[in-house]
């Protein structure tokens, strides 16, 4: 990582629609409200591309579940500060 004579690729975590994992893992009222609004937003976007409302709501719930699982496996912002820490849980 500190050898400027080499070009070395890197990878980082990603794949979340909300800004970071805390939006998915916190259980306070505000976080629950944000997740609900985000899930509604996903359903609206799916409806705009042609899904009927019940299907869009079900798919939004599935997407939210998937993103939550990704968030639970992600490093926290504090853990990500260490550049030598591997991106695994």
N, C-alpha and C. Protein backbone atom coordinates (compact mmCIF):
# COMPACT_ATOMS: atom_id res chain seq x y z
N UNK A 1 0.80 -1.19 0.00
CA UNK A 1 0.00 0.00 0.00
C UNK A 1 0.86 1.28 0.00
N UNK A 2 2.07 1.15 0.50
CA UNK A 2 2.92 2.34 0.58
C UNK A 2 4.03 2.34 -0.46
N UNK A 3 3.91 1.52 -1.48
CA UNK A 3 4.93 1.43 -2.52
C UNK A 3 4.45 2.19 -3.74
N UNK A 4 4.95 3.42 -3.90
CA UNK A 4 4.48 4.27 -5.00
C UNK A 4 5.01 3.83 -6.36
N UNK A 5 5.90 2.85 -6.41
CA UNK A 5 6.41 2.37 -7.69
C UNK A 5 5.51 1.30 -8.30
N UNK A 6 4.45 0.91 -7.58
CA UNK A 6 3.54 -0.13 -8.06
C UNK A 6 2.12 0.40 -8.11
N UNK A 7 1.37 -0.13 -9.05
CA UNK A 7 -0.05 0.18 -9.12
C UNK A 7 -0.80 -1.03 -8.57
N UNK A 8 -1.48 -0.82 -7.46
CA UNK A 8 -2.15 -1.92 -6.78
C UNK A 8 -3.63 -1.58 -6.65
N UNK A 9 -4.47 -2.48 -7.12
CA UNK A 9 -5.91 -2.27 -7.01
C UNK A 9 -6.37 -2.42 -5.57
N UNK A 10 -7.50 -1.86 -5.31
CA UNK A 10 -8.07 -1.97 -3.97
C UNK A 10 -9.58 -2.19 -4.07
N UNK A 11 -10.13 -2.66 -2.99
CA UNK A 11 -11.58 -2.87 -2.94
C UNK A 11 -12.09 -2.36 -1.60
N UNK A 12 -13.30 -1.89 -1.61
CA UNK A 12 -13.91 -1.38 -0.39
C UNK A 12 -15.35 -1.86 -0.34
N UNK A 13 -15.93 -1.79 0.82
CA UNK A 13 -17.32 -2.24 0.96
C UNK A 13 -18.27 -1.23 0.34
N UNK A 14 -19.42 -1.71 -0.05
CA UNK A 14 -20.42 -0.84 -0.64
C UNK A 14 -21.72 -1.61 -0.75
N UNK A 15 -22.64 -1.11 -1.54
CA UNK A 15 -23.87 -1.83 -1.79
C UNK A 15 -25.06 -1.41 -0.94
N UNK A 16 -24.92 -0.35 -0.17
CA UNK A 16 -26.02 0.10 0.66
C UNK A 16 -26.66 1.35 0.06
N UNK A 17 -27.97 1.41 0.12
CA UNK A 17 -28.69 2.57 -0.39
C UNK A 17 -28.68 3.73 0.58
N UNK A 18 -28.69 3.43 1.87
CA UNK A 18 -28.60 4.47 2.90
C UNK A 18 -27.12 4.75 3.16
N UNK A 19 -26.78 5.90 3.72
CA UNK A 19 -25.38 6.32 3.82
C UNK A 19 -24.40 5.35 4.49
N UNK A 20 -24.77 4.70 5.58
CA UNK A 20 -23.86 3.75 6.20
C UNK A 20 -24.64 2.73 7.03
N UNK A 21 -23.93 1.77 7.59
CA UNK A 21 -24.55 0.63 8.27
C UNK A 21 -25.39 1.04 9.47
N UNK A 22 -25.06 2.15 10.12
CA UNK A 22 -25.81 2.57 11.30
C UNK A 22 -27.28 2.83 10.99
N UNK A 23 -27.56 3.26 9.78
CA UNK A 23 -28.96 3.50 9.40
C UNK A 23 -29.77 2.21 9.42
N UNK A 24 -29.11 1.10 9.24
CA UNK A 24 -29.79 -0.20 9.22
C UNK A 24 -29.81 -0.89 10.57
N UNK A 25 -28.83 -0.58 11.42
CA UNK A 25 -28.66 -1.34 12.65
C UNK A 25 -29.18 -0.65 13.91
N UNK A 26 -29.29 0.67 13.88
CA UNK A 26 -29.81 1.37 15.06
C UNK A 26 -31.30 1.08 15.22
N UNK A 27 -31.76 1.05 16.46
CA UNK A 27 -33.15 0.68 16.72
C UNK A 27 -33.97 1.83 17.33
N UNK A 28 -33.42 3.04 17.33
CA UNK A 28 -34.17 4.17 17.88
C UNK A 28 -35.31 4.57 16.94
N UNK A 29 -36.22 5.38 17.43
CA UNK A 29 -37.41 5.77 16.66
C UNK A 29 -37.05 6.47 15.35
N UNK A 30 -36.08 7.36 15.39
CA UNK A 30 -35.70 8.11 14.18
C UNK A 30 -35.14 7.17 13.11
N UNK A 31 -34.31 6.21 13.52
CA UNK A 31 -33.75 5.25 12.56
C UNK A 31 -34.84 4.37 11.97
N UNK A 32 -35.77 3.94 12.80
CA UNK A 32 -36.91 3.15 12.30
C UNK A 32 -37.73 3.95 11.30
N UNK A 33 -37.93 5.23 11.58
CA UNK A 33 -38.69 6.10 10.67
C UNK A 33 -37.96 6.24 9.33
N UNK A 34 -36.66 6.45 9.38
CA UNK A 34 -35.86 6.61 8.16
C UNK A 34 -35.92 5.33 7.32
N UNK A 35 -35.77 4.18 7.97
CA UNK A 35 -35.85 2.91 7.22
C UNK A 35 -37.23 2.72 6.59
N UNK A 36 -38.27 3.09 7.30
CA UNK A 36 -39.62 2.99 6.75
C UNK A 36 -39.80 3.89 5.53
N UNK A 37 -39.29 5.11 5.63
CA UNK A 37 -39.38 6.04 4.51
C UNK A 37 -38.56 5.55 3.32
N UNK A 38 -37.42 4.97 3.60
CA UNK A 38 -36.57 4.45 2.53
C UNK A 38 -37.25 3.27 1.83
N UNK A 39 -37.85 2.39 2.61
CA UNK A 39 -38.56 1.25 2.02
C UNK A 39 -39.73 1.74 1.17
N UNK A 40 -40.44 2.75 1.63
CA UNK A 40 -41.53 3.36 0.83
C UNK A 40 -40.98 3.93 -0.47
N UNK A 41 -39.82 4.58 -0.39
CA UNK A 41 -39.18 5.16 -1.57
C UNK A 41 -38.83 4.06 -2.59
N UNK A 42 -38.27 2.96 -2.10
CA UNK A 42 -37.94 1.85 -2.99
C UNK A 42 -39.20 1.35 -3.69
N UNK A 43 -40.28 1.19 -2.93
CA UNK A 43 -41.55 0.72 -3.51
C UNK A 43 -42.06 1.69 -4.57
N UNK A 44 -41.94 2.99 -4.31
CA UNK A 44 -42.39 3.99 -5.30
C UNK A 44 -41.56 3.91 -6.57
N UNK A 45 -40.25 3.71 -6.43
CA UNK A 45 -39.39 3.61 -7.61
C UNK A 45 -39.74 2.36 -8.42
N UNK A 46 -40.03 1.26 -7.73
CA UNK A 46 -40.42 0.03 -8.43
C UNK A 46 -41.77 0.21 -9.12
N UNK A 47 -42.67 0.95 -8.49
CA UNK A 47 -43.97 1.22 -9.12
C UNK A 47 -43.80 2.08 -10.37
N UNK A 48 -42.85 3.00 -10.33
CA UNK A 48 -42.60 3.86 -11.50
C UNK A 48 -42.08 3.07 -12.70
N UNK A 49 -41.41 1.95 -12.45
CA UNK A 49 -40.92 1.15 -13.57
C UNK A 49 -41.90 0.07 -13.98
N UNK A 50 -43.10 0.08 -13.36
CA UNK A 50 -44.15 -0.78 -13.86
C UNK A 50 -44.72 -1.83 -12.93
N UNK A 51 -44.17 -2.01 -11.76
CA UNK A 51 -44.73 -3.00 -10.84
C UNK A 51 -46.02 -2.46 -10.23
N UNK A 52 -46.98 -3.36 -9.99
CA UNK A 52 -48.18 -2.92 -9.28
C UNK A 52 -47.83 -2.72 -7.81
N UNK A 53 -48.67 -2.00 -7.08
CA UNK A 53 -48.36 -1.60 -5.71
C UNK A 53 -48.04 -2.77 -4.77
N UNK A 54 -48.86 -3.84 -4.75
CA UNK A 54 -48.52 -4.95 -3.84
C UNK A 54 -47.18 -5.62 -4.16
N UNK A 55 -46.91 -5.80 -5.45
CA UNK A 55 -45.64 -6.41 -5.85
C UNK A 55 -44.47 -5.50 -5.50
N UNK A 56 -44.63 -4.21 -5.75
CA UNK A 56 -43.57 -3.25 -5.42
C UNK A 56 -43.28 -3.23 -3.93
N UNK A 57 -44.31 -3.29 -3.10
CA UNK A 57 -44.13 -3.29 -1.65
C UNK A 57 -43.40 -4.55 -1.20
N UNK A 58 -43.76 -5.69 -1.77
CA UNK A 58 -43.10 -6.95 -1.41
C UNK A 58 -41.64 -6.96 -1.84
N UNK A 59 -41.38 -6.45 -3.04
CA UNK A 59 -40.00 -6.38 -3.53
C UNK A 59 -39.18 -5.40 -2.70
N UNK A 60 -39.78 -4.28 -2.30
CA UNK A 60 -39.09 -3.29 -1.47
C UNK A 60 -38.70 -3.91 -0.13
N UNK A 61 -39.58 -4.72 0.41
CA UNK A 61 -39.29 -5.39 1.68
C UNK A 61 -38.12 -6.36 1.51
N UNK A 62 -38.09 -7.08 0.39
CA UNK A 62 -36.99 -8.00 0.11
C UNK A 62 -35.68 -7.25 -0.05
N UNK A 63 -35.72 -6.15 -0.79
CA UNK A 63 -34.52 -5.34 -1.00
C UNK A 63 -34.02 -4.79 0.33
N UNK A 64 -34.92 -4.31 1.15
CA UNK A 64 -34.54 -3.77 2.45
C UNK A 64 -33.90 -4.86 3.31
N UNK A 65 -34.44 -6.06 3.26
CA UNK A 65 -33.86 -7.18 4.00
C UNK A 65 -32.46 -7.51 3.53
N UNK A 66 -32.26 -7.51 2.22
CA UNK A 66 -30.95 -7.79 1.66
C UNK A 66 -29.95 -6.71 2.07
N UNK A 67 -30.33 -5.45 1.94
CA UNK A 67 -29.44 -4.36 2.32
C UNK A 67 -29.12 -4.41 3.82
N UNK A 68 -30.09 -4.81 4.63
CA UNK A 68 -29.85 -4.92 6.07
C UNK A 68 -28.82 -5.99 6.36
N UNK A 69 -28.91 -7.13 5.66
CA UNK A 69 -27.92 -8.20 5.84
C UNK A 69 -26.53 -7.72 5.40
N UNK A 70 -26.46 -6.97 4.30
CA UNK A 70 -25.18 -6.41 3.86
C UNK A 70 -24.63 -5.44 4.91
N UNK A 71 -25.50 -4.62 5.48
CA UNK A 71 -25.07 -3.65 6.50
C UNK A 71 -24.55 -4.35 7.74
N UNK A 72 -25.21 -5.42 8.14
CA UNK A 72 -24.77 -6.16 9.33
C UNK A 72 -23.40 -6.79 9.13
N UNK A 73 -23.06 -7.11 7.89
CA UNK A 73 -21.76 -7.69 7.58
C UNK A 73 -20.70 -6.63 7.31
N UNK A 74 -21.09 -5.37 7.23
CA UNK A 74 -20.16 -4.28 6.93
C UNK A 74 -19.44 -3.82 8.18
N UNK A 75 -18.29 -3.20 7.95
CA UNK A 75 -17.55 -2.59 9.05
C UNK A 75 -18.21 -1.28 9.45
N UNK A 76 -18.06 -0.90 10.71
CA UNK A 76 -18.55 0.40 11.16
C UNK A 76 -17.62 1.48 10.62
N UNK A 77 -18.04 2.74 10.70
CA UNK A 77 -17.19 3.83 10.24
C UNK A 77 -15.89 3.89 11.04
N UNK A 78 -15.95 3.59 12.32
CA UNK A 78 -14.75 3.58 13.17
C UNK A 78 -13.81 2.45 12.73
N UNK A 79 -14.34 1.27 12.47
CA UNK A 79 -13.52 0.15 12.03
C UNK A 79 -12.87 0.42 10.67
N UNK A 80 -13.54 1.18 9.82
CA UNK A 80 -13.03 1.47 8.48
C UNK A 80 -11.88 2.47 8.50
N UNK A 81 -11.64 3.13 9.63
CA UNK A 81 -10.56 4.12 9.71
C UNK A 81 -9.17 3.48 9.62
N UNK A 82 -9.07 2.21 9.98
CA UNK A 82 -7.79 1.51 9.95
C UNK A 82 -7.55 0.99 8.54
N UNK A 83 -6.63 1.58 7.80
CA UNK A 83 -6.42 1.19 6.40
C UNK A 83 -5.87 -0.23 6.23
N UNK A 84 -5.30 -0.79 7.28
CA UNK A 84 -4.72 -2.13 7.19
C UNK A 84 -5.71 -3.21 7.61
N UNK A 85 -6.85 -2.81 8.12
CA UNK A 85 -7.86 -3.79 8.58
C UNK A 85 -8.50 -4.45 7.35
N UNK A 86 -8.59 -5.76 7.35
CA UNK A 86 -9.26 -6.42 6.22
C UNK A 86 -10.77 -6.12 6.23
N UNK A 87 -11.37 -6.15 5.06
CA UNK A 87 -12.79 -5.85 4.93
C UNK A 87 -13.58 -7.14 5.09
N UNK A 88 -13.48 -7.73 6.24
CA UNK A 88 -14.25 -8.93 6.54
C UNK A 88 -14.75 -8.85 7.96
N UNK A 89 -15.80 -9.54 8.24
CA UNK A 89 -16.36 -9.61 9.60
C UNK A 89 -16.17 -11.00 10.11
